[in-house]
Amino acid sequence: MTNVTRSRPLSPHLQVYKPIPTMVMSIVHRITGGALYFGTVLVAWWLIAAAMGESAFDTVSWFFGTLVGRLILFGYTWALLHHMLGGLRHFMWDIGRGYEKHFNTRLAIATPFVSVALTVLVWIAAYLAR
């Protein structure tokens, strides 16, 4: 009897794959989607505190005003915008556009830069609106 598995090709592992921008952005899109679950809990905490009264709201406001709280909010803002841009890329593909390899790669490379720039712009606008 011959060994049947010897003639079958092995499945490639992570060591074989070369990370390309679209693959990395797909992974980051999934990570930011997971991070948005945590951020939604923070939004719920803020809303519940607002409904509970001034004391609870002051506690949440104090936390979000600390350095750690602001870093978390900044990260949440970035995750939200980055995930939104990834969703727009997927929407573009759903309508049949953007499949060209070079365009798709350039879009994947631009996504983190645009998401960071938009995050900074949102925070600047928020501080100016204060």
N, C-alpha and C. Protein backbone atom coordinates (compact mmCIF):
# COMPACT_ATOMS: atom_id res chain seq x y z
N MET A 1 0.85 -1.18 0.00
CA MET A 1 0.00 0.00 0.00
C MET A 1 0.90 1.24 0.00
N THR A 2 0.54 2.21 -0.85
CA THR A 2 1.34 3.44 -0.95
C THR A 2 0.81 4.49 0.02
N ASN A 3 1.69 5.42 0.35
CA ASN A 3 1.31 6.52 1.23
C ASN A 3 0.59 7.57 0.39
N VAL A 4 -0.70 7.74 0.61
CA VAL A 4 -1.52 8.65 -0.17
C VAL A 4 -1.16 10.10 0.11
N THR A 5 -0.80 10.42 1.32
CA THR A 5 -0.52 11.81 1.68
C THR A 5 0.81 12.30 1.11
N ARG A 6 1.71 11.41 0.74
CA ARG A 6 3.01 11.82 0.23
C ARG A 6 2.90 12.56 -1.11
N SER A 7 1.94 12.20 -1.93
CA SER A 7 1.81 12.83 -3.23
C SER A 7 0.95 14.09 -3.21
N ARG A 8 0.32 14.36 -2.11
CA ARG A 8 -0.53 15.55 -2.01
C ARG A 8 0.33 16.77 -1.68
N PRO A 9 -0.03 17.91 -2.23
CA PRO A 9 0.72 19.12 -1.87
C PRO A 9 0.36 19.54 -0.44
N LEU A 10 1.33 20.08 0.24
CA LEU A 10 1.10 20.57 1.60
C LEU A 10 0.49 21.96 1.54
N SER A 11 -0.33 22.24 2.50
CA SER A 11 -0.92 23.57 2.59
C SER A 11 0.16 24.56 3.01
N PRO A 12 0.25 25.71 2.32
CA PRO A 12 1.28 26.68 2.72
C PRO A 12 0.98 27.28 4.09
N HIS A 13 2.01 27.59 4.80
CA HIS A 13 1.87 28.16 6.13
C HIS A 13 2.24 29.63 6.08
N LEU A 14 2.14 30.32 7.21
CA LEU A 14 2.42 31.75 7.25
C LEU A 14 3.86 32.07 6.85
N GLN A 15 4.77 31.14 7.04
CA GLN A 15 6.16 31.39 6.67
C GLN A 15 6.32 31.48 5.15
N VAL A 16 5.38 30.90 4.40
CA VAL A 16 5.48 30.86 2.95
C VAL A 16 4.93 32.15 2.34
N TYR A 17 3.89 32.70 2.94
CA TYR A 17 3.24 33.88 2.38
C TYR A 17 4.09 35.12 2.58
N LYS A 18 4.14 35.94 1.55
CA LYS A 18 4.78 37.25 1.65
C LYS A 18 3.67 38.26 1.94
N PRO A 19 3.77 38.98 3.05
CA PRO A 19 2.68 39.93 3.35
C PRO A 19 2.61 41.03 2.29
N ILE A 20 1.45 41.19 1.72
CA ILE A 20 1.23 42.25 0.75
C ILE A 20 0.26 43.26 1.37
N PRO A 21 0.25 44.49 0.88
CA PRO A 21 -0.57 45.52 1.53
C PRO A 21 -2.05 45.15 1.67
N THR A 22 -2.64 44.54 0.67
CA THR A 22 -4.06 44.20 0.77
C THR A 22 -4.30 43.15 1.86
N MET A 23 -3.37 42.23 2.02
CA MET A 23 -3.50 41.21 3.06
C MET A 23 -3.38 41.86 4.44
N VAL A 24 -2.41 42.74 4.60
CA VAL A 24 -2.20 43.41 5.88
C VAL A 24 -3.42 44.27 6.23
N MET A 25 -3.97 44.99 5.24
CA MET A 25 -5.14 45.82 5.51
C MET A 25 -6.37 44.98 5.84
N SER A 26 -6.45 43.78 5.27
CA SER A 26 -7.54 42.88 5.62
C SER A 26 -7.44 42.46 7.09
N ILE A 27 -6.24 42.16 7.53
CA ILE A 27 -6.02 41.77 8.92
C ILE A 27 -6.32 42.95 9.85
N VAL A 28 -5.82 44.13 9.50
CA VAL A 28 -6.05 45.32 10.33
C VAL A 28 -7.54 45.66 10.35
N HIS A 29 -8.23 45.46 9.24
CA HIS A 29 -9.68 45.71 9.19
C HIS A 29 -10.40 44.82 10.21
N ARG A 30 -10.00 43.58 10.28
CA ARG A 30 -10.61 42.67 11.25
C ARG A 30 -10.28 43.07 12.69
N ILE A 31 -9.04 43.49 12.92
CA ILE A 31 -8.62 43.91 14.26
C ILE A 31 -9.39 45.16 14.69
N THR A 32 -9.52 46.13 13.78
CA THR A 32 -10.25 47.35 14.14
C THR A 32 -11.73 47.04 14.36
N GLY A 33 -12.26 46.09 13.63
CA GLY A 33 -13.64 45.68 13.87
C GLY A 33 -13.81 45.12 15.27
N GLY A 34 -12.85 44.33 15.71
CA GLY A 34 -12.89 43.82 17.09
C GLY A 34 -12.73 44.93 18.11
N ALA A 35 -11.86 45.90 17.83
CA ALA A 35 -11.64 47.02 18.75
C ALA A 35 -12.90 47.87 18.88
N LEU A 36 -13.70 47.92 17.83
CA LEU A 36 -14.92 48.72 17.89
C LEU A 36 -15.93 48.14 18.88
N TYR A 37 -15.87 46.84 19.13
CA TYR A 37 -16.72 46.26 20.17
C TYR A 37 -16.38 46.87 21.53
N PHE A 38 -15.09 46.97 21.83
CA PHE A 38 -14.67 47.57 23.08
C PHE A 38 -15.08 49.04 23.14
N GLY A 39 -14.89 49.75 22.04
CA GLY A 39 -15.26 51.16 22.00
C GLY A 39 -16.75 51.37 22.17
N THR A 40 -17.55 50.45 21.67
CA THR A 40 -19.00 50.56 21.83
C THR A 40 -19.39 50.41 23.30
N VAL A 41 -18.66 49.60 24.03
CA VAL A 41 -18.90 49.48 25.47
C VAL A 41 -18.61 50.83 26.15
N LEU A 42 -17.56 51.52 25.70
CA LEU A 42 -17.27 52.85 26.26
C LEU A 42 -18.37 53.85 25.95
N VAL A 43 -18.90 53.81 24.74
CA VAL A 43 -20.00 54.70 24.37
C VAL A 43 -21.22 54.39 25.23
N ALA A 44 -21.49 53.11 25.43
CA ALA A 44 -22.62 52.71 26.27
C ALA A 44 -22.40 53.19 27.71
N TRP A 45 -21.18 53.06 28.21
CA TRP A 45 -20.85 53.53 29.57
C TRP A 45 -21.13 55.02 29.69
N TRP A 46 -20.73 55.79 28.68
CA TRP A 46 -20.94 57.23 28.67
C TRP A 46 -22.44 57.55 28.67
N LEU A 47 -23.21 56.85 27.83
CA LEU A 47 -24.65 57.11 27.75
C LEU A 47 -25.37 56.71 29.04
N ILE A 48 -24.98 55.57 29.59
CA ILE A 48 -25.60 55.12 30.85
C ILE A 48 -25.28 56.09 31.97
N ALA A 49 -24.03 56.56 32.02
CA ALA A 49 -23.65 57.53 33.04
C ALA A 49 -24.42 58.83 32.89
N ALA A 50 -24.65 59.26 31.65
CA ALA A 50 -25.44 60.47 31.43
C ALA A 50 -26.87 60.28 31.91
N ALA A 51 -27.41 59.09 31.77
CA ALA A 51 -28.78 58.82 32.22
C ALA A 51 -28.87 58.65 33.72
N MET A 52 -27.74 58.25 34.36
CA MET A 52 -27.76 58.00 35.80
C MET A 52 -27.67 59.27 36.64
N GLY A 53 -27.12 60.31 36.08
CA GLY A 53 -27.05 61.56 36.84
C GLY A 53 -25.69 62.20 36.76
N GLU A 54 -25.61 63.36 37.40
CA GLU A 54 -24.41 64.19 37.31
C GLU A 54 -23.17 63.52 37.90
N SER A 55 -23.33 62.83 39.01
CA SER A 55 -22.18 62.20 39.66
C SER A 55 -21.55 61.12 38.78
N ALA A 56 -22.38 60.26 38.22
CA ALA A 56 -21.87 59.19 37.35
C ALA A 56 -21.26 59.78 36.08
N PHE A 57 -21.90 60.80 35.53
CA PHE A 57 -21.39 61.43 34.32
C PHE A 57 -20.06 62.12 34.58
N ASP A 58 -19.93 62.74 35.75
CA ASP A 58 -18.65 63.38 36.10
C ASP A 58 -17.52 62.36 36.20
N THR A 59 -17.83 61.17 36.71
CA THR A 59 -16.82 60.12 36.81
C THR A 59 -16.34 59.69 35.43
N VAL A 60 -17.29 59.47 34.53
CA VAL A 60 -16.93 59.05 33.16
C VAL A 60 -16.17 60.18 32.46
N SER A 61 -16.63 61.40 32.64
CA SER A 61 -15.96 62.54 32.02
C SER A 61 -14.54 62.69 32.56
N TRP A 62 -14.38 62.45 33.86
CA TRP A 62 -13.03 62.53 34.44
C TRP A 62 -12.13 61.49 33.79
N PHE A 63 -12.63 60.24 33.66
CA PHE A 63 -11.82 59.19 33.06
C PHE A 63 -11.43 59.52 31.63
N PHE A 64 -12.40 59.96 30.84
CA PHE A 64 -12.10 60.30 29.45
C PHE A 64 -11.20 61.52 29.33
N GLY A 65 -11.12 62.31 30.38
CA GLY A 65 -10.25 63.48 30.38
C GLY A 65 -8.81 63.18 30.78
N THR A 66 -8.57 61.98 31.33
CA THR A 66 -7.19 61.62 31.71
C THR A 66 -6.40 61.26 30.45
N LEU A 67 -5.08 61.18 30.61
CA LEU A 67 -4.23 60.83 29.47
C LEU A 67 -4.59 59.45 28.92
N VAL A 68 -4.81 58.50 29.80
CA VAL A 68 -5.18 57.14 29.36
C VAL A 68 -6.53 57.18 28.64
N GLY A 69 -7.48 57.90 29.20
CA GLY A 69 -8.80 57.99 28.58
C GLY A 69 -8.74 58.63 27.20
N ARG A 70 -7.93 59.68 27.08
CA ARG A 70 -7.82 60.34 25.77
C ARG A 70 -7.11 59.45 24.76
N LEU A 71 -6.11 58.70 25.22
CA LEU A 71 -5.45 57.76 24.30
C LEU A 71 -6.42 56.68 23.83
N ILE A 72 -7.25 56.20 24.74
CA ILE A 72 -8.25 55.19 24.36
C ILE A 72 -9.24 55.80 23.37
N LEU A 73 -9.69 57.02 23.63
CA LEU A 73 -10.62 57.67 22.71
C LEU A 73 -9.98 57.95 21.35
N PHE A 74 -8.70 58.34 21.36
CA PHE A 74 -7.99 58.56 20.11
C PHE A 74 -7.89 57.25 19.32
N GLY A 75 -7.54 56.16 20.02
CA GLY A 75 -7.46 54.85 19.38
C GLY A 75 -8.82 54.40 18.85
N TYR A 76 -9.87 54.68 19.61
CA TYR A 76 -11.22 54.33 19.15
C TYR A 76 -11.59 55.12 17.90
N THR A 77 -11.25 56.41 17.91
CA THR A 77 -11.52 57.24 16.73
C THR A 77 -10.78 56.71 15.52
N TRP A 78 -9.50 56.37 15.71
CA TRP A 78 -8.72 55.83 14.60
C TRP A 78 -9.31 54.50 14.11
N ALA A 79 -9.66 53.61 15.04
CA ALA A 79 -10.23 52.31 14.65
C ALA A 79 -11.53 52.51 13.88
N LEU A 80 -12.35 53.46 14.33
CA LEU A 80 -13.62 53.72 13.66
C LEU A 80 -13.39 54.23 12.24
N LEU A 81 -12.48 55.17 12.08
CA LEU A 81 -12.23 55.74 10.75
C LEU A 81 -11.52 54.74 9.84
N HIS A 82 -10.57 53.99 10.40
CA HIS A 82 -9.86 53.00 9.60
C HIS A 82 -10.81 51.90 9.13
N HIS A 83 -11.66 51.45 10.02
CA HIS A 83 -12.62 50.41 9.68
C HIS A 83 -13.61 50.93 8.64
N MET A 84 -14.00 52.21 8.77
CA MET A 84 -14.91 52.81 7.80
C MET A 84 -14.27 52.85 6.41
N LEU A 85 -12.99 53.25 6.35
CA LEU A 85 -12.31 53.29 5.06
C LEU A 85 -12.19 51.89 4.45
N GLY A 86 -11.90 50.90 5.29
CA GLY A 86 -11.86 49.52 4.80
C GLY A 86 -13.22 49.08 4.30
N GLY A 87 -14.27 49.50 4.98
CA GLY A 87 -15.62 49.19 4.52
C GLY A 87 -15.94 49.85 3.20
N LEU A 88 -15.46 51.07 3.01
CA LEU A 88 -15.66 51.74 1.72
C LEU A 88 -14.90 51.03 0.60
N ARG A 89 -13.71 50.51 0.92
CA ARG A 89 -12.98 49.72 -0.08
C ARG A 89 -13.79 48.49 -0.46
N HIS A 90 -14.34 47.82 0.53
CA HIS A 90 -15.15 46.63 0.26
C HIS A 90 -16.40 46.99 -0.53
N PHE A 91 -17.02 48.12 -0.20
CA PHE A 91 -18.20 48.55 -0.94
C PHE A 91 -17.85 48.81 -2.41
N MET A 92 -16.69 49.43 -2.62
CA MET A 92 -16.23 49.69 -3.98
C MET A 92 -16.08 48.37 -4.74
N TRP A 93 -15.52 47.37 -4.09
CA TRP A 93 -15.37 46.06 -4.73
C TRP A 93 -16.74 45.43 -4.98
N ASP A 94 -17.67 45.63 -4.06
CA ASP A 94 -19.01 45.05 -4.23
C ASP A 94 -19.72 45.60 -5.45
N ILE A 95 -19.43 46.84 -5.82
CA ILE A 95 -20.07 47.40 -7.02
C ILE A 95 -19.22 47.18 -8.27
N GLY A 96 -18.14 46.39 -8.11
CA GLY A 96 -17.36 45.97 -9.27
C GLY A 96 -16.24 46.92 -9.67
N ARG A 97 -15.79 47.75 -8.78
CA ARG A 97 -14.72 48.71 -9.10
C ARG A 97 -13.48 48.41 -8.26
N GLY A 98 -12.32 48.83 -8.75
CA GLY A 98 -11.09 48.78 -7.97
C GLY A 98 -10.40 47.43 -7.90
N TYR A 99 -10.66 46.54 -8.84
CA TYR A 99 -10.02 45.24 -8.81
C TYR A 99 -8.62 45.22 -9.43
N GLU A 100 -8.23 46.29 -10.11
CA GLU A 100 -6.92 46.32 -10.74
C GLU A 100 -5.85 46.23 -9.66
N LYS A 101 -4.86 45.38 -9.88
CA LYS A 101 -3.86 45.06 -8.86
C LYS A 101 -3.13 46.31 -8.36
N HIS A 102 -2.66 47.14 -9.26
CA HIS A 102 -1.86 48.30 -8.84
C HIS A 102 -2.73 49.33 -8.11
N PHE A 103 -3.95 49.54 -8.58
CA PHE A 103 -4.85 50.47 -7.90
C PHE A 103 -5.21 49.95 -6.52
N ASN A 104 -5.52 48.67 -6.44
CA ASN A 104 -5.88 48.04 -5.18
C ASN A 104 -4.74 48.13 -4.17
N THR A 105 -3.52 47.90 -4.63
CA THR A 105 -2.35 47.97 -3.75
C THR A 105 -2.13 49.41 -3.27
N ARG A 106 -2.25 50.38 -4.18
CA ARG A 106 -2.07 51.78 -3.78
C ARG A 106 -3.15 52.21 -2.78
N LEU A 107 -4.36 51.73 -2.98
CA LEU A 107 -5.44 52.05 -2.05
C LEU A 107 -5.17 51.44 -0.67
N ALA A 108 -4.66 50.22 -0.65
CA ALA A 108 -4.33 49.57 0.62
C ALA A 108 -3.20 50.31 1.34
N ILE A 109 -2.22 50.78 0.59
CA ILE A 109 -1.11 51.52 1.20
C ILE A 109 -1.60 52.87 1.72
N ALA A 110 -2.52 53.50 1.01
CA ALA A 110 -3.01 54.82 1.42
C ALA A 110 -3.93 54.76 2.63
N THR A 111 -4.61 53.65 2.83
CA THR A 111 -5.61 53.55 3.89
C THR A 111 -5.09 53.93 5.28
N PRO A 112 -3.96 53.40 5.75
CA PRO A 112 -3.52 53.79 7.10
C PRO A 112 -3.15 55.27 7.19
N PHE A 113 -2.57 55.82 6.14
CA PHE A 113 -2.20 57.24 6.17
C PHE A 113 -3.43 58.13 6.20
N VAL A 114 -4.41 57.79 5.38
CA VAL A 114 -5.65 58.58 5.34
C VAL A 114 -6.39 58.45 6.67
N SER A 115 -6.42 57.26 7.24
CA SER A 115 -7.14 57.07 8.51
C SER A 115 -6.49 57.86 9.64
N VAL A 116 -5.17 57.90 9.67
CA VAL A 116 -4.48 58.70 10.69
C VAL A 116 -4.74 60.19 10.46
N ALA A 117 -4.67 60.64 9.21
CA ALA A 117 -4.92 62.04 8.91
C ALA A 117 -6.34 62.44 9.28
N LEU A 118 -7.32 61.60 8.95
CA LEU A 118 -8.70 61.90 9.31
C LEU A 118 -8.89 61.93 10.82
N THR A 119 -8.23 61.02 11.53
CA THR A 119 -8.33 61.00 12.99
C THR A 119 -7.80 62.30 13.58
N VAL A 120 -6.65 62.73 13.10
CA VAL A 120 -6.07 63.99 13.59
C VAL A 120 -7.01 65.16 13.27
N LEU A 121 -7.57 65.17 12.07
CA LEU A 121 -8.50 66.25 11.70
C LEU A 121 -9.75 66.25 12.59
N VAL A 122 -10.27 65.09 12.90
CA VAL A 122 -11.46 64.99 13.78
C VAL A 122 -11.10 65.54 15.15
N TRP A 123 -9.93 65.19 15.67
CA TRP A 123 -9.55 65.66 17.01
C TRP A 123 -9.26 67.16 17.00
N ILE A 124 -8.67 67.68 15.95
CA ILE A 124 -8.45 69.12 15.85
C ILE A 124 -9.80 69.84 15.82
N ALA A 125 -10.72 69.34 15.01
CA ALA A 125 -12.05 69.94 14.93
C ALA A 125 -12.77 69.88 16.28
N ALA A 126 -12.61 68.77 17.00
CA ALA A 126 -13.25 68.65 18.31
C ALA A 126 -12.67 69.65 19.30
N TYR A 127 -11.36 69.83 19.29
CA TYR A 127 -10.75 70.81 20.20
C TYR A 127 -11.11 72.23 19.82
N LEU A 128 -11.21 72.52 18.53
CA LEU A 128 -11.60 73.86 18.11
C LEU A 128 -13.06 74.15 18.42
N ALA A 129 -13.89 73.12 18.41
CA ALA A 129 -15.32 73.29 18.70
C ALA A 129 -15.57 73.46 20.20
N ARG A 130 -14.63 73.09 21.02
CA ARG A 130 -14.80 73.21 22.48
C ARG A 130 -14.97 74.62 22.82
